[in-house]
Amino acid sequence: MGKCPMEEFYNQIQQWLDPVKHARMLPEMAEKMSN
């Protein structure tokens, strides 16, 4: 695994969610993770 886990994680999310939903959730999730 050459990629960092975060990158893999976001790749998975992009596959699961449609782009609009993804764009809406991303800032919220990033905030939760950085806390």
PDB file of N, CA and C in Angstrom:
ATOM      1  N   MET A   1       0.837  -1.202   0.000  1.00  0.00           N
ATOM      2  CA  MET A   1       0.000   0.000   0.000  1.00  0.00           C
ATOM      3  C   MET A   1       0.873   1.254   0.000  1.00  0.00           C
ATOM      4  N   GLY A   2       0.988   1.891  -1.149  1.00  0.00           N
ATOM      5  CA  GLY A   2       1.816   3.090  -1.236  1.00  0.00           C
ATOM      6  C   GLY A   2       1.042   4.342  -0.853  1.00  0.00           C
ATOM      7  N   LYS A   3      -0.275   4.250  -0.939  1.00  0.00           N
ATOM      8  CA  LYS A   3      -1.105   5.429  -0.660  1.00  0.00           C
ATOM      9  C   LYS A   3      -1.317   5.596   0.836  1.00  0.00           C
ATOM     10  N   CYS A   4      -1.556   6.823   1.246  1.00  0.00           N
ATOM     11  CA  CYS A   4      -1.882   7.043   2.651  1.00  0.00           C
ATOM     12  C   CYS A   4      -3.334   6.616   2.888  1.00  0.00           C
ATOM     13  N   PRO A   5      -3.648   6.153   4.092  1.00  0.00           N
ATOM     14  CA  PRO A   5      -4.999   5.645   4.396  1.00  0.00           C
ATOM     15  C   PRO A   5      -6.091   6.669   4.092  1.00  0.00           C
ATOM     16  N   MET A   6      -5.822   7.936   4.362  1.00  0.00           N
ATOM     17  CA  MET A   6      -6.824   8.971   4.108  1.00  0.00           C
ATOM     18  C   MET A   6      -7.220   8.983   2.637  1.00  0.00           C
ATOM     19  N   GLU A   7      -6.227   8.881   1.774  1.00  0.00           N
ATOM     20  CA  GLU A   7      -6.482   8.919   0.335  1.00  0.00           C
ATOM     21  C   GLU A   7      -7.351   7.730  -0.057  1.00  0.00           C
ATOM     22  N   GLU A   8      -7.021   6.575   0.471  1.00  0.00           N
ATOM     23  CA  GLU A   8      -7.808   5.373   0.170  1.00  0.00           C
ATOM     24  C   GLU A   8      -9.236   5.558   0.667  1.00  0.00           C
ATOM     25  N   PHE A   9      -9.354   6.120   1.854  1.00  0.00           N
ATOM     26  CA  PHE A   9     -10.657   6.323   2.473  1.00  0.00           C
ATOM     27  C   PHE A   9     -11.532   7.210   1.597  1.00  0.00           C
ATOM     28  N   TYR A  10     -10.970   8.327   1.137  1.00  0.00           N
ATOM     29  CA  TYR A  10     -11.751   9.242   0.306  1.00  0.00           C
ATOM     30  C   TYR A  10     -12.091   8.622  -1.037  1.00  0.00           C
ATOM     31  N   ASN A  11     -11.191   7.807  -1.559  1.00  0.00           N
ATOM     32  CA  ASN A  11     -11.482   7.126  -2.825  1.00  0.00           C
ATOM     33  C   ASN A  11     -12.704   6.232  -2.661  1.00  0.00           C
ATOM     34  N   GLN A  12     -12.767   5.532  -1.531  1.00  0.00           N
ATOM     35  CA  GLN A  12     -13.906   4.649  -1.274  1.00  0.00           C
ATOM     36  C   GLN A  12     -15.190   5.463  -1.184  1.00  0.00           C
ATOM     37  N   ILE A  13     -15.135   6.545  -0.452  1.00  0.00           N
ATOM     38  CA  ILE A  13     -16.332   7.380  -0.278  1.00  0.00           C
ATOM     39  C   ILE A  13     -16.824   7.886  -1.620  1.00  0.00           C
ATOM     40  N   GLN A  14     -15.893   8.288  -2.478  1.00  0.00           N
ATOM     41  CA  GLN A  14     -16.297   8.799  -3.791  1.00  0.00           C
ATOM     42  C   GLN A  14     -16.992   7.723  -4.595  1.00  0.00           C
ATOM     43  N   GLN A  15     -16.607   6.470  -4.367  1.00  0.00           N
ATOM     44  CA  GLN A  15     -17.255   5.381  -5.092  1.00  0.00           C
ATOM     45  C   GLN A  15     -18.654   5.134  -4.531  1.00  0.00           C
ATOM     46  N   TRP A  16     -18.821   5.310  -3.214  1.00  0.00           N
ATOM     47  CA  TRP A  16     -20.110   5.003  -2.591  1.00  0.00           C
ATOM     48  C   TRP A  16     -21.142   6.091  -2.833  1.00  0.00           C
ATOM     49  N   LEU A  17     -20.682   7.342  -2.780  1.00  0.00           N
ATOM     50  CA  LEU A  17     -21.638   8.455  -2.827  1.00  0.00           C
ATOM     51  C   LEU A  17     -21.642   9.126  -4.179  1.00  0.00           C
ATOM     52  N   ASP A  18     -22.769   9.691  -4.525  1.00  0.00           N
ATOM     53  CA  ASP A  18     -22.817  10.486  -5.749  1.00  0.00           C
ATOM     54  C   ASP A  18     -22.100  11.814  -5.486  1.00  0.00           C
ATOM     55  N   PRO A  19     -21.590  12.473  -6.524  1.00  0.00           N
ATOM     56  CA  PRO A  19     -20.754  13.669  -6.364  1.00  0.00           C
ATOM     57  C   PRO A  19     -21.412  14.784  -5.554  1.00  0.00           C
ATOM     58  N   VAL A  20     -22.708  15.005  -5.737  1.00  0.00           N
ATOM     59  CA  VAL A  20     -23.367  16.091  -5.017  1.00  0.00           C
ATOM     60  C   VAL A  20     -23.371  15.810  -3.524  1.00  0.00           C
ATOM     61  N   LYS A  21     -23.757  14.601  -3.164  1.00  0.00           N
ATOM     62  CA  LYS A  21     -23.785  14.202  -1.765  1.00  0.00           C
ATOM     63  C   LYS A  21     -22.379  14.278  -1.192  1.00  0.00           C
ATOM     64  N   HIS A  22     -21.426  13.794  -1.959  1.00  0.00           N
ATOM     65  CA  HIS A  22     -20.034  13.769  -1.528  1.00  0.00           C
ATOM     66  C   HIS A  22     -19.552  15.185  -1.234  1.00  0.00           C
ATOM     67  N   ALA A  23     -19.845  16.106  -2.134  1.00  0.00           N
ATOM     68  CA  ALA A  23     -19.394  17.491  -1.983  1.00  0.00           C
ATOM     69  C   ALA A  23     -20.010  18.120  -0.735  1.00  0.00           C
ATOM     70  N   ARG A  24     -21.223  17.708  -0.405  1.00  0.00           N
ATOM     71  CA  ARG A  24     -21.900  18.273   0.755  1.00  0.00           C
ATOM     72  C   ARG A  24     -21.325  17.707   2.055  1.00  0.00           C
ATOM     73  N   MET A  25     -20.956  16.425   2.031  1.00  0.00           N
ATOM     74  CA  MET A  25     -20.499  15.754   3.248  1.00  0.00           C
ATOM     75  C   MET A  25     -19.032  16.008   3.555  1.00  0.00           C
ATOM     76  N   LEU A  26     -18.233  16.234   2.526  1.00  0.00           N
ATOM     77  CA  LEU A  26     -16.787  16.292   2.693  1.00  0.00           C
ATOM     78  C   LEU A  26     -16.334  17.276   3.774  1.00  0.00           C
ATOM     79  N   PRO A  27     -16.764  18.537   3.740  1.00  0.00           N
ATOM     80  CA  PRO A  27     -16.295  19.483   4.761  1.00  0.00           C
ATOM     81  C   PRO A  27     -16.713  19.050   6.162  1.00  0.00           C
ATOM     82  N   GLU A  28     -17.910  18.506   6.282  1.00  0.00           N
ATOM     83  CA  GLU A  28     -18.421  18.066   7.574  1.00  0.00           C
ATOM     84  C   GLU A  28     -17.562  16.936   8.128  1.00  0.00           C
ATOM     85  N   MET A  29     -17.235  15.987   7.269  1.00  0.00           N
ATOM     86  CA  MET A  29     -16.432  14.836   7.692  1.00  0.00           C
ATOM     87  C   MET A  29     -15.013  15.255   8.018  1.00  0.00           C
ATOM     88  N   ALA A  30     -14.452  16.125   7.205  1.00  0.00           N
ATOM     89  CA  ALA A  30     -13.087  16.590   7.437  1.00  0.00           C
ATOM     90  C   ALA A  30     -13.012  17.285   8.798  1.00  0.00           C
ATOM     91  N   GLU A  31     -14.074  18.003   9.136  1.00  0.00           N
ATOM     92  CA  GLU A  31     -14.107  18.703  10.417  1.00  0.00           C
ATOM     93  C   GLU A  31     -14.122  17.701  11.567  1.00  0.00           C
ATOM     94  N   LYS A  32     -14.946  16.669  11.449  1.00  0.00           N
ATOM     95  CA  LYS A  32     -15.039  15.654  12.497  1.00  0.00           C
ATOM     96  C   LYS A  32     -13.707  14.944  12.687  1.00  0.00           C
ATOM     97  N   MET A  33     -13.028  14.672  11.577  1.00  0.00           N
ATOM     98  CA  MET A  33     -11.784  13.908  11.650  1.00  0.00           C
ATOM     99  C   MET A  33     -10.650  14.730  12.237  1.00  0.00           C
ATOM    100  N   SER A  34     -10.646  16.017  11.976  1.00  0.00           N
ATOM    101  CA  SER A  34      -9.533  16.850  12.437  1.00  0.00           C
ATOM    102  C   SER A  34      -9.669  17.161  13.926  1.00  0.00           C
ATOM    103  N   ASN A  35     -10.842  16.910  14.501  1.00  0.00           N
ATOM    104  CA  ASN A  35     -11.037  17.174  15.928  1.00  0.00           C
ATOM    105  C   ASN A  35     -10.473  16.063  16.777  1.00  0.00           C
TER     106      ASN A  35
END
